[in-house]
Amino acid sequence: MRDDWRRGFEALRTKARAGDAIGATRLFYELANNQDPGALDLQPEPFRQMVLDNARTVPLALSARPPVFSRAILNDVKVPTLVVGGEQSPPSFAWINGVIAQSILGICLVVIPKAAHLMSYQNPPAFNEAFLSFVAQQ
């Protein structure tokens, strides 16, 4: 799983370093949403435009130093926490969410059906229900 993710990100980095922010963004969309090449072009225009409007942020994010992230840090989280994943997200996302869920006491982990990484857009009713239900319990 890690090797597949690294290969996908290497292709992203290559496009970003070459100055192709749009190409890098398209690859990121496909990788994060577990989609085939060209998937972004199949999305409704307003959504596709929103993703492409943020293309300049992809090379910036790739050049930033990753944050320190560990189970020990997660174990120190003492506030109500909601972790939301998409049923159709890449397996690595589910694995990460599982690690988070095992590390934070009292966490609420929700998987949104018929959605991937952009679940608030891909299945708004289920995402909103998960979020509002969590907030109502706090």
C-alpha atoms as a PDB file:
ATOM      1  CA  MET A   1       0.000   0.000   0.000  1.00  0.00           C
ATOM      2  CA  ARG A   2       2.775   2.412   0.961  1.00  0.00           C
ATOM      3  CA  ASP A   3       4.710   1.667  -2.223  1.00  0.00           C
ATOM      4  CA  ASP A   4       1.655   2.283  -4.414  1.00  0.00           C
ATOM      5  CA  TRP A   5       1.068   5.602  -2.649  1.00  0.00           C
ATOM      6  CA  ARG A   6       4.715   6.615  -3.063  1.00  0.00           C
ATOM      7  CA  ARG A   7       4.641   5.787  -6.784  1.00  0.00           C
ATOM      8  CA  GLY A   8       1.524   7.875  -7.223  1.00  0.00           C
ATOM      9  CA  PHE A   9       3.055  10.792  -5.374  1.00  0.00           C
ATOM     10  CA  GLU A  10       6.294  10.563  -7.341  1.00  0.00           C
ATOM     11  CA  ALA A  11       4.339  11.126 -10.554  1.00  0.00           C
ATOM     12  CA  LEU A  12       2.640  14.097  -8.877  1.00  0.00           C
ATOM     13  CA  ARG A  13       5.975  15.557  -7.781  1.00  0.00           C
ATOM     14  CA  THR A  14       7.410  15.136 -11.271  1.00  0.00           C
ATOM     15  CA  LYS A  15       4.564  17.149 -12.811  1.00  0.00           C
ATOM     16  CA  ALA A  16       4.696  19.774 -10.061  1.00  0.00           C
ATOM     17  CA  ARG A  17       8.473  20.218 -10.404  1.00  0.00           C
ATOM     18  CA  ALA A  18       8.022  20.624 -14.156  1.00  0.00           C
ATOM     19  CA  GLY A  19       5.608  23.498 -13.494  1.00  0.00           C
ATOM     20  CA  ASP A  20       2.503  21.535 -14.460  1.00  0.00           C
ATOM     21  CA  ALA A  21       0.248  22.372 -11.506  1.00  0.00           C
ATOM     22  CA  ILE A  22      -2.886  21.396 -13.459  1.00  0.00           C
ATOM     23  CA  GLY A  23      -1.442  17.996 -14.342  1.00  0.00           C
ATOM     24  CA  ALA A  24      -0.317  17.439 -10.755  1.00  0.00           C
ATOM     25  CA  THR A  25      -3.785  18.391  -9.533  1.00  0.00           C
ATOM     26  CA  ARG A  26      -5.433  15.941 -11.911  1.00  0.00           C
ATOM     27  CA  LEU A  27      -3.144  13.164 -10.655  1.00  0.00           C
ATOM     28  CA  PHE A  28      -3.825  14.103  -7.043  1.00  0.00           C
ATOM     29  CA  TYR A  29      -7.578  13.978  -7.659  1.00  0.00           C
ATOM     30  CA  GLU A  30      -7.257  10.505  -9.190  1.00  0.00           C
ATOM     31  CA  LEU A  31      -4.995   9.233  -6.400  1.00  0.00           C
ATOM     32  CA  ALA A  32      -6.980  10.669  -3.473  1.00  0.00           C
ATOM     33  CA  ASN A  33     -10.305   9.546  -4.919  1.00  0.00           C
ATOM     34  CA  ASN A  34      -9.162   6.114  -6.095  1.00  0.00           C
ATOM     35  CA  GLN A  35     -10.125   6.998  -9.682  1.00  0.00           C
ATOM     36  CA  ASP A  36      -8.866   6.163 -13.152  1.00  0.00           C
ATOM     37  CA  PRO A  37      -7.015   8.680 -15.364  1.00  0.00           C
ATOM     38  CA  GLY A  38      -9.288  11.392 -16.704  1.00  0.00           C
ATOM     39  CA  ALA A  39     -11.750  11.102 -13.808  1.00  0.00           C
ATOM     40  CA  LEU A  40     -11.683  14.809 -13.025  1.00  0.00           C
ATOM     41  CA  ASP A  41     -12.922  15.613 -16.534  1.00  0.00           C
ATOM     42  CA  LEU A  42     -16.039  13.518 -15.861  1.00  0.00           C
ATOM     43  CA  GLN A  43     -17.076  15.650 -12.889  1.00  0.00           C
ATOM     44  CA  PRO A  44     -19.699  18.417 -13.114  1.00  0.00           C
ATOM     45  CA  GLU A  45     -18.252  21.730 -14.285  1.00  0.00           C
ATOM     46  CA  PRO A  46     -18.594  23.709 -11.018  1.00  0.00           C
ATOM     47  CA  PHE A  47     -16.835  20.977  -9.058  1.00  0.00           C
ATOM     48  CA  ARG A  48     -14.129  20.452 -11.672  1.00  0.00           C
ATOM     49  CA  GLN A  49     -13.487  24.189 -11.785  1.00  0.00           C
ATOM     50  CA  MET A  50     -13.250  24.359  -7.985  1.00  0.00           C
ATOM     51  CA  VAL A  51     -10.582  21.649  -7.997  1.00  0.00           C
ATOM     52  CA  LEU A  52      -8.640  23.308 -10.808  1.00  0.00           C
ATOM     53  CA  ASP A  53      -8.926  26.741  -9.163  1.00  0.00           C
ATOM     54  CA  ASN A  54      -6.890  25.269  -6.316  1.00  0.00           C
ATOM     55  CA  ALA A  55      -4.224  23.772  -8.577  1.00  0.00           C
ATOM     56  CA  ARG A  56      -1.613  26.299  -7.458  1.00  0.00           C
ATOM     57  CA  THR A  57      -1.762  24.794  -3.942  1.00  0.00           C
ATOM     58  CA  VAL A  58      -0.707  21.292  -5.008  1.00  0.00           C
ATOM     59  CA  PRO A  59       2.954  22.131  -5.787  1.00  0.00           C
ATOM     60  CA  LEU A  60       3.077  24.194  -2.586  1.00  0.00           C
ATOM     61  CA  ALA A  61       1.769  21.287  -0.520  1.00  0.00           C
ATOM     62  CA  LEU A  62       4.233  18.893  -2.141  1.00  0.00           C
ATOM     63  CA  SER A  63       7.163  21.162  -1.359  1.00  0.00           C
ATOM     64  CA  ALA A  64       6.217  21.644   2.301  1.00  0.00           C
ATOM     65  CA  ARG A  65       7.809  19.518   4.979  1.00  0.00           C
ATOM     66  CA  PRO A  66       5.314  16.904   6.179  1.00  0.00           C
ATOM     67  CA  PRO A  67       4.064  17.458   9.723  1.00  0.00           C
ATOM     68  CA  VAL A  68       5.301  15.221  12.507  1.00  0.00           C
ATOM     69  CA  PHE A  69       2.645  12.604  13.002  1.00  0.00           C
ATOM     70  CA  SER A  70       2.789   9.660  15.395  1.00  0.00           C
ATOM     71  CA  ARG A  71       0.639   7.431  17.552  1.00  0.00           C
ATOM     72  CA  ALA A  72       2.150   9.105  20.615  1.00  0.00           C
ATOM     73  CA  ILE A  73       0.881  12.501  19.436  1.00  0.00           C
ATOM     74  CA  LEU A  74      -2.548  11.015  18.717  1.00  0.00           C
ATOM     75  CA  ASN A  75      -2.625   9.365  22.162  1.00  0.00           C
ATOM     76  CA  ASP A  76      -2.388  12.857  23.681  1.00  0.00           C
ATOM     77  CA  VAL A  77      -5.576  14.057  21.964  1.00  0.00           C
ATOM     78  CA  LYS A  78      -8.150  14.469  24.728  1.00  0.00           C
ATOM     79  CA  VAL A  79     -10.989  16.261  22.914  1.00  0.00           C
ATOM     80  CA  PRO A  80     -13.970  14.773  21.085  1.00  0.00           C
ATOM     81  CA  THR A  81     -12.734  13.828  17.630  1.00  0.00           C
ATOM     82  CA  LEU A  82     -14.584  12.930  14.462  1.00  0.00           C
ATOM     83  CA  VAL A  83     -12.699  11.118  11.709  1.00  0.00           C
ATOM     84  CA  VAL A  84     -14.561  10.750   8.436  1.00  0.00           C
ATOM     85  CA  GLY A  85     -13.507   8.567   5.528  1.00  0.00           C
ATOM     86  CA  GLY A  86     -15.013   7.659   2.205  1.00  0.00           C
ATOM     87  CA  GLU A  87     -16.031   4.111   1.390  1.00  0.00           C
ATOM     88  CA  GLN A  88     -14.421   4.462  -2.066  1.00  0.00           C
ATOM     89  CA  SER A  89     -11.222   6.147  -0.866  1.00  0.00           C
ATOM     90  CA  PRO A  90      -7.876   4.454  -1.442  1.00  0.00           C
ATOM     91  CA  PRO A  91      -7.140   1.613   1.007  1.00  0.00           C
ATOM     92  CA  SER A  92      -4.301   3.647   2.495  1.00  0.00           C
ATOM     93  CA  PHE A  93      -6.802   6.270   3.703  1.00  0.00           C
ATOM     94  CA  ALA A  94      -8.838   3.612   5.520  1.00  0.00           C
ATOM     95  CA  TRP A  95      -5.642   2.274   7.081  1.00  0.00           C
ATOM     96  CA  ILE A  96      -4.644   5.756   8.288  1.00  0.00           C
ATOM     97  CA  ASN A  97      -8.125   6.346   9.700  1.00  0.00           C
ATOM     98  CA  GLY A  98      -7.892   3.003  11.498  1.00  0.00           C
ATOM     99  CA  VAL A  99      -4.595   3.977  13.109  1.00  0.00           C
ATOM    100  CA  ILE A 100      -6.111   7.275  14.205  1.00  0.00           C
ATOM    101  CA  ALA A 101      -9.178   5.494  15.594  1.00  0.00           C
ATOM    102  CA  GLN A 102      -6.990   3.093  17.605  1.00  0.00           C
ATOM    103  CA  SER A 103      -4.940   5.945  19.011  1.00  0.00           C
ATOM    104  CA  ILE A 104      -7.517   8.470  20.225  1.00  0.00           C
ATOM    105  CA  LEU A 105      -9.743   7.462  23.114  1.00  0.00           C
ATOM    106  CA  GLY A 106     -13.456   7.942  22.416  1.00  0.00           C
ATOM    107  CA  ILE A 107     -13.067   8.769  18.750  1.00  0.00           C
ATOM    108  CA  CYS A 108     -16.017   8.718  16.392  1.00  0.00           C
ATOM    109  CA  LEU A 109     -15.030   7.096  13.083  1.00  0.00           C
ATOM    110  CA  VAL A 110     -17.548   7.296  10.242  1.00  0.00           C
ATOM    111  CA  VAL A 111     -17.274   5.885   6.720  1.00  0.00           C
ATOM    112  CA  ILE A 112     -19.370   7.735   4.167  1.00  0.00           C
ATOM    113  CA  PRO A 113     -20.941   5.382   1.588  1.00  0.00           C
ATOM    114  CA  LYS A 114     -20.708   6.060  -2.141  1.00  0.00           C
ATOM    115  CA  ALA A 115     -17.911   8.594  -1.626  1.00  0.00           C
ATOM    116  CA  ALA A 116     -14.157   8.941  -1.672  1.00  0.00           C
ATOM    117  CA  HIS A 117     -11.874  11.716  -0.406  1.00  0.00           C
ATOM    118  CA  LEU A 118     -14.239  14.547  -1.337  1.00  0.00           C
ATOM    119  CA  MET A 119     -17.125  12.979   0.531  1.00  0.00           C
ATOM    120  CA  SER A 120     -18.787  16.263   1.486  1.00  0.00           C
ATOM    121  CA  TYR A 121     -19.370  16.817  -2.229  1.00  0.00           C
ATOM    122  CA  GLN A 122     -19.810  13.214  -3.330  1.00  0.00           C
ATOM    123  CA  ASN A 123     -22.427  12.315  -0.702  1.00  0.00           C
ATOM    124  CA  PRO A 124     -23.513  15.515   1.083  1.00  0.00           C
ATOM    125  CA  PRO A 125     -26.520  14.025   2.929  1.00  0.00           C
ATOM    126  CA  ALA A 126     -24.452  11.259   4.552  1.00  0.00           C
ATOM    127  CA  PHE A 127     -21.557  13.589   5.323  1.00  0.00           C
ATOM    128  CA  ASN A 128     -23.827  16.255   6.816  1.00  0.00           C
ATOM    129  CA  GLU A 129     -25.650  13.653   8.918  1.00  0.00           C
ATOM    130  CA  ALA A 130     -22.360  12.312  10.296  1.00  0.00           C
ATOM    131  CA  PHE A 131     -21.091  15.772  11.090  1.00  0.00           C
ATOM    132  CA  LEU A 132     -24.310  17.117  12.615  1.00  0.00           C
ATOM    133  CA  SER A 133     -24.812  13.957  14.656  1.00  0.00           C
ATOM    134  CA  PHE A 134     -21.295  14.256  16.070  1.00  0.00           C
ATOM    135  CA  VAL A 135     -21.742  17.949  16.915  1.00  0.00           C
ATOM    136  CA  ALA A 136     -25.115  17.277  18.557  1.00  0.00           C
ATOM    137  CA  GLN A 137     -23.483  14.741  20.877  1.00  0.00           C
ATOM    138  CA  GLN A 138     -20.901  17.221  22.137  1.00  0.00           C
END
